C-alpha atoms as a PDB file:
ATOM      1  CA  UNK A   1       4.461-128.811  60.041  1.00  0.00           C
ATOM      2  CA  UNK A   2       1.765-128.309  57.440  1.00  0.00           C
ATOM      3  CA  UNK A   3       0.276-131.161  55.513  1.00  0.00           C
ATOM      4  CA  UNK A   4       2.052-130.020  52.333  1.00  0.00           C
ATOM      5  CA  UNK A   5       5.488-129.768  53.954  1.00  0.00           C
ATOM      6  CA  UNK A   6       6.334-126.695  51.861  1.00  0.00           C
ATOM      7  CA  UNK A   7       7.127-124.208  54.614  1.00  0.00           C
ATOM      8  CA  UNK A   8      10.166-122.085  54.056  1.00  0.00           C
ATOM      9  CA  UNK A   9      12.750-122.835  56.765  1.00  0.00           C
ATOM     10  CA  UNK A  10      15.408-120.317  57.743  1.00  0.00           C
ATOM     11  CA  UNK A  11      18.334-121.449  59.870  1.00  0.00           C
ATOM     12  CA  UNK A  12      20.051-118.833  62.025  1.00  0.00           C
ATOM     13  CA  UNK A  13      23.596-118.260  60.812  1.00  0.00           C
ATOM     14  CA  UNK A  14      26.355-115.704  60.617  1.00  0.00           C
ATOM     15  CA  UNK A  15      27.433-113.883  57.493  1.00  0.00           C
ATOM     16  CA  UNK A  16      29.120-115.433  54.474  1.00  0.00           C
ATOM     17  CA  UNK A  17      32.296-113.649  53.376  1.00  0.00           C
ATOM     18  CA  UNK A  18      30.408-111.876  50.566  1.00  0.00           C
ATOM     19  CA  UNK A  19      27.860-110.430  52.995  1.00  0.00           C
ATOM     20  CA  UNK A  20      30.344-108.429  55.096  1.00  0.00           C
ATOM     21  CA  UNK A  21      30.194-104.728  54.229  1.00  0.00           C
ATOM     22  CA  UNK A  22      33.274-102.592  54.847  1.00  0.00           C
ATOM     23  CA  UNK A  23      32.557 -99.877  57.395  1.00  0.00           C
ATOM     24  CA  UNK A  24      29.273-101.396  58.546  1.00  0.00           C
ATOM     25  CA  UNK A  25      28.669-101.439  62.300  1.00  0.00           C
ATOM     26  CA  UNK A  26      26.649-104.307  63.738  1.00  0.00           C
ATOM     27  CA  UNK A  27      25.016-103.716  67.120  1.00  0.00           C
ATOM     28  CA  UNK A  28      24.672-106.976  69.028  1.00  0.00           C
ATOM     29  CA  UNK A  29      21.645-107.276  71.296  1.00  0.00           C
ATOM     30  CA  UNK A  30      20.648-108.154  73.910  1.00  0.00           C
ATOM     31  CA  UNK A  31      23.437-107.021  76.206  1.00  0.00           C
ATOM     32  CA  UNK A  32      24.726-109.099  79.104  1.00  0.00           C
ATOM     33  CA  UNK A  33      24.517-107.994  82.732  1.00  0.00           C
ATOM     34  CA  UNK A  34      27.659-109.248  84.457  1.00  0.00           C
ATOM     35  CA  UNK A  35      27.202-110.812  87.886  1.00  0.00           C
ATOM     36  CA  UNK A  36      29.619-111.500  90.708  1.00  0.00           C
ATOM     37  CA  UNK A  37      29.122-115.219  90.039  1.00  0.00           C
ATOM     38  CA  UNK A  38      30.089-114.776  86.352  1.00  0.00           C
ATOM     39  CA  UNK A  39      33.291-112.994  87.283  1.00  0.00           C
ATOM     40  CA  UNK A  40      34.279-115.341  90.103  1.00  0.00           C
ATOM     41  CA  UNK A  41      33.604-118.483  88.059  1.00  0.00           C
ATOM     42  CA  UNK A  42      35.552-117.266  85.026  1.00  0.00           C
ATOM     43  CA  UNK A  43      38.429-115.977  87.146  1.00  0.00           C
ATOM     44  CA  UNK A  44      38.810-119.188  89.126  1.00  0.00           C
ATOM     45  CA  UNK A  45      38.332-121.482  86.111  1.00  0.00           C
ATOM     46  CA  UNK A  46      41.162-119.706  84.324  1.00  0.00           C
ATOM     47  CA  UNK A  47      43.441-119.906  87.404  1.00  0.00           C
ATOM     48  CA  UNK A  48      43.700-116.118  87.671  1.00  0.00           C
ATOM     49  CA  UNK A  49      44.375-115.357  91.331  1.00  0.00           C
ATOM     50  CA  UNK A  50      44.422-111.577  90.880  1.00  0.00           C
ATOM     51  CA  UNK A  51      42.993-110.048  94.069  1.00  0.00           C
ATOM     52  CA  UNK A  52      41.354-107.243  92.043  1.00  0.00           C
ATOM     53  CA  UNK A  53      38.846-109.857  90.830  1.00  0.00           C
ATOM     54  CA  UNK A  54      38.439-112.074  93.896  1.00  0.00           C
ATOM     55  CA  UNK A  55      39.196-110.226  97.143  1.00  0.00           C
ATOM     56  CA  UNK A  56      36.531-107.647  98.045  1.00  0.00           C
ATOM     57  CA  UNK A  57      38.483-106.295 101.030  1.00  0.00           C
ATOM     58  CA  UNK A  58      41.630-105.817  98.966  1.00  0.00           C
ATOM     59  CA  UNK A  59      39.750-104.262  96.036  1.00  0.00           C
ATOM     60  CA  UNK A  60      37.971-101.843  98.388  1.00  0.00           C
ATOM     61  CA  UNK A  61      41.371-100.320  99.213  1.00  0.00           C
ATOM     62  CA  UNK A  62      42.290 -99.704  95.552  1.00  0.00           C
ATOM     63  CA  UNK A  63      41.497 -96.615  93.511  1.00  0.00           C
ATOM     64  CA  UNK A  64      38.519 -98.518  92.042  1.00  0.00           C
ATOM     65  CA  UNK A  65      36.978 -99.161  95.473  1.00  0.00           C
ATOM     66  CA  UNK A  66      35.539-102.524  94.461  1.00  0.00           C
ATOM     67  CA  UNK A  67      36.339-105.680  92.500  1.00  0.00           C
ATOM     68  CA  UNK A  68      36.809-105.411  88.766  1.00  0.00           C
ATOM     69  CA  UNK A  69      35.382-107.778  86.188  1.00  0.00           C
ATOM     70  CA  UNK A  70      38.208-109.860  84.725  1.00  0.00           C
ATOM     71  CA  UNK A  71      39.188-108.174  81.437  1.00  0.00           C
ATOM     72  CA  UNK A  72      39.530-111.554  79.695  1.00  0.00           C
ATOM     73  CA  UNK A  73      35.884-112.247  80.600  1.00  0.00           C
ATOM     74  CA  UNK A  74      34.978-108.865  79.120  1.00  0.00           C
ATOM     75  CA  UNK A  75      36.884-109.684  75.919  1.00  0.00           C
ATOM     76  CA  UNK A  76      35.322-113.142  75.652  1.00  0.00           C
ATOM     77  CA  UNK A  77      31.856-111.720  76.186  1.00  0.00           C
ATOM     78  CA  UNK A  78      32.055-108.991  73.540  1.00  0.00           C
ATOM     79  CA  UNK A  79      33.206-111.586  71.012  1.00  0.00           C
ATOM     80  CA  UNK A  80      30.514-114.013  72.204  1.00  0.00           C
ATOM     81  CA  UNK A  81      27.806-111.389  71.822  1.00  0.00           C
ATOM     82  CA  UNK A  82      28.765-111.062  68.128  1.00  0.00           C
ATOM     83  CA  UNK A  83      28.600-114.758  67.220  1.00  0.00           C
ATOM     84  CA  UNK A  84      24.908-115.188  66.367  1.00  0.00           C
ATOM     85  CA  UNK A  85      24.885-112.145  64.097  1.00  0.00           C
ATOM     86  CA  UNK A  86      28.280-112.501  62.418  1.00  0.00           C
ATOM     87  CA  UNK A  87      30.002-115.889  62.578  1.00  0.00           C
ATOM     88  CA  UNK A  88      27.597-118.648  63.677  1.00  0.00           C
ATOM     89  CA  UNK A  89      28.244-121.542  61.304  1.00  0.00           C
ATOM     90  CA  UNK A  90      30.262-119.457  58.845  1.00  0.00           C
ATOM     91  CA  UNK A  91      33.619-118.997  60.598  1.00  0.00           C
ATOM     92  CA  UNK A  92      36.466-121.374  59.807  1.00  0.00           C
ATOM     93  CA  UNK A  93      38.988-120.048  62.324  1.00  0.00           C
ATOM     94  CA  UNK A  94      39.845-117.208  64.635  1.00  0.00           C
ATOM     95  CA  UNK A  95      43.193-115.972  63.290  1.00  0.00           C
ATOM     96  CA  UNK A  96      44.171-113.628  66.098  1.00  0.00           C
ATOM     97  CA  UNK A  97      43.644-110.427  68.037  1.00  0.00           C
ATOM     98  CA  UNK A  98      45.504-107.122  67.943  1.00  0.00           C
ATOM     99  CA  UNK A  99      45.138-103.722  69.538  1.00  0.00           C
ATOM    100  CA  UNK A 100      43.253-105.032  72.567  1.00  0.00           C
ATOM    101  CA  UNK A 101      42.521-102.330  75.157  1.00  0.00           C
ATOM    102  CA  UNK A 102      40.338-101.790  78.207  1.00  0.00           C
ATOM    103  CA  UNK A 103      39.893 -97.998  78.561  1.00  0.00           C
ATOM    104  CA  UNK A 104      37.512 -98.193  81.556  1.00  0.00           C
ATOM    105  CA  UNK A 105      36.749-100.902  84.098  1.00  0.00           C
ATOM    106  CA  UNK A 106      33.660-103.080  84.209  1.00  0.00           C
ATOM    107  CA  UNK A 107      32.059-103.852  87.593  1.00  0.00           C
ATOM    108  CA  UNK A 108      29.635-106.449  88.933  1.00  0.00           C
ATOM    109  CA  UNK A 109      26.116-105.407  87.943  1.00  0.00           C
ATOM    110  CA  UNK A 110      27.199-103.531  84.822  1.00  0.00           C
ATOM    111  CA  UNK A 111      25.537-104.455  81.538  1.00  0.00           C
ATOM    112  CA  UNK A 112      27.897-105.049  78.646  1.00  0.00           C
ATOM    113  CA  UNK A 113      26.811-104.211  75.100  1.00  0.00           C
ATOM    114  CA  UNK A 114      28.845-105.028  72.008  1.00  0.00           C
ATOM    115  CA  UNK A 115      29.144-103.683  68.512  1.00  0.00           C
ATOM    116  CA  UNK A 116      31.391-104.719  65.652  1.00  0.00           C
ATOM    117  CA  UNK A 117      32.753-102.618  62.796  1.00  0.00           C
ATOM    118  CA  UNK A 118      33.989-104.324  59.630  1.00  0.00           C
ATOM    119  CA  UNK A 119      37.472-102.909  58.996  1.00  0.00           C
ATOM    120  CA  UNK A 120      38.736-105.019  56.107  1.00  0.00           C
ATOM    121  CA  UNK A 121      38.120-108.137  54.074  1.00  0.00           C
ATOM    122  CA  UNK A 122      40.009-110.002  51.397  1.00  0.00           C
ATOM    123  CA  UNK A 123      39.844-113.355  49.702  1.00  0.00           C
ATOM    124  CA  UNK A 124      42.218-115.980  51.078  1.00  0.00           C
ATOM    125  CA  UNK A 125      45.197-116.586  48.795  1.00  0.00           C
ATOM    126  CA  UNK A 126      45.765-120.117  50.084  1.00  0.00           C
ATOM    127  CA  UNK A 127      42.238-121.334  50.847  1.00  0.00           C
ATOM    128  CA  UNK A 128      39.743-121.175  47.956  1.00  0.00           C
ATOM    129  CA  UNK A 129      36.185-120.662  49.116  1.00  0.00           C
ATOM    130  CA  UNK A 130      37.241-118.625  52.149  1.00  0.00           C
ATOM    131  CA  UNK A 131      38.166-115.060  53.016  1.00  0.00           C
ATOM    132  CA  UNK A 132      39.778-113.077  55.825  1.00  0.00           C
ATOM    133  CA  UNK A 133      37.639-110.500  57.609  1.00  0.00           C
ATOM    134  CA  UNK A 134      39.032-107.967  60.089  1.00  0.00           C
ATOM    135  CA  UNK A 135      36.568-107.018  62.817  1.00  0.00           C
ATOM    136  CA  UNK A 136      36.762-104.304  65.459  1.00  0.00           C
ATOM    137  CA  UNK A 137      34.742-105.310  68.516  1.00  0.00           C
ATOM    138  CA  UNK A 138      33.774-102.581  70.974  1.00  0.00           C
ATOM    139  CA  UNK A 139      32.234-103.180  74.386  1.00  0.00           C
ATOM    140  CA  UNK A 140      30.270-100.477  76.201  1.00  0.00           C
ATOM    141  CA  UNK A 141      28.664-100.421  79.617  1.00  0.00           C
ATOM    142  CA  UNK A 142      25.079 -99.336  80.264  1.00  0.00           C
ATOM    143  CA  UNK A 143      26.216 -95.677  80.313  1.00  0.00           C
ATOM    144  CA  UNK A 144      27.779 -95.929  76.860  1.00  0.00           C
ATOM    145  CA  UNK A 145      31.356 -95.838  78.197  1.00  0.00           C
ATOM    146  CA  UNK A 146      33.814 -97.887  76.155  1.00  0.00           C
ATOM    147  CA  UNK A 147      35.213-100.660  78.360  1.00  0.00           C
ATOM    148  CA  UNK A 148      36.925-102.813  75.714  1.00  0.00           C
ATOM    149  CA  UNK A 149      38.142-102.640  72.114  1.00  0.00           C
ATOM    150  CA  UNK A 150      39.715-105.495  70.179  1.00  0.00           C
ATOM    151  CA  UNK A 151      40.653-105.951  66.547  1.00  0.00           C
ATOM    152  CA  UNK A 152      40.266-109.559  65.394  1.00  0.00           C
ATOM    153  CA  UNK A 153      40.985-111.374  62.132  1.00  0.00           C
ATOM    154  CA  UNK A 154      38.765-114.307  61.182  1.00  0.00           C
ATOM    155  CA  UNK A 155      38.749-116.820  58.366  1.00  0.00           C
ATOM    156  CA  UNK A 156      35.199-117.014  56.995  1.00  0.00           C
ATOM    157  CA  UNK A 157      33.513-119.294  54.485  1.00  0.00           C
ATOM    158  CA  UNK A 158      32.190-117.951  51.221  1.00  0.00           C
ATOM    159  CA  UNK A 159      28.584-118.605  50.337  1.00  0.00           C
ATOM    160  CA  UNK A 160      28.143-122.182  49.100  1.00  0.00           C
ATOM    161  CA  UNK A 161      27.427-122.433  45.396  1.00  0.00           C
ATOM    162  CA  UNK A 162      24.761-125.106  45.769  1.00  0.00           C
END
């Protein structure tokens, strides 16, 4: 801190409702390389006993030839990758997901990258000072293949007046 104490301080935050631009695509970096430990921990913590995620011998006999990353981990991660840039400290609530799909599998060792397109926004009719923003999250692996898409509605704060 300087002796005058006049430094400008900027706190990392997401976007206020007014700052979302329809059609804009936000690329969230860095990506996240998914490990076997990540997948096993998430899968067991959520009580998912699906052999495709946990049993290497079983998964080797499937058309994939190896274990798959749990799709709920993939979904959680693409949303998580967007938080610092879009919703950190500005979101009120997650209102729901729609149109969730996983067009290609994700495997241990793959790196997941996320991007978010702003599909819609409107002021809340019942909550002054807040608005509803519709986001389309897309996850891609290191080859650019789409591995997840999810449309999500969020309730976001408007910029404070003071």
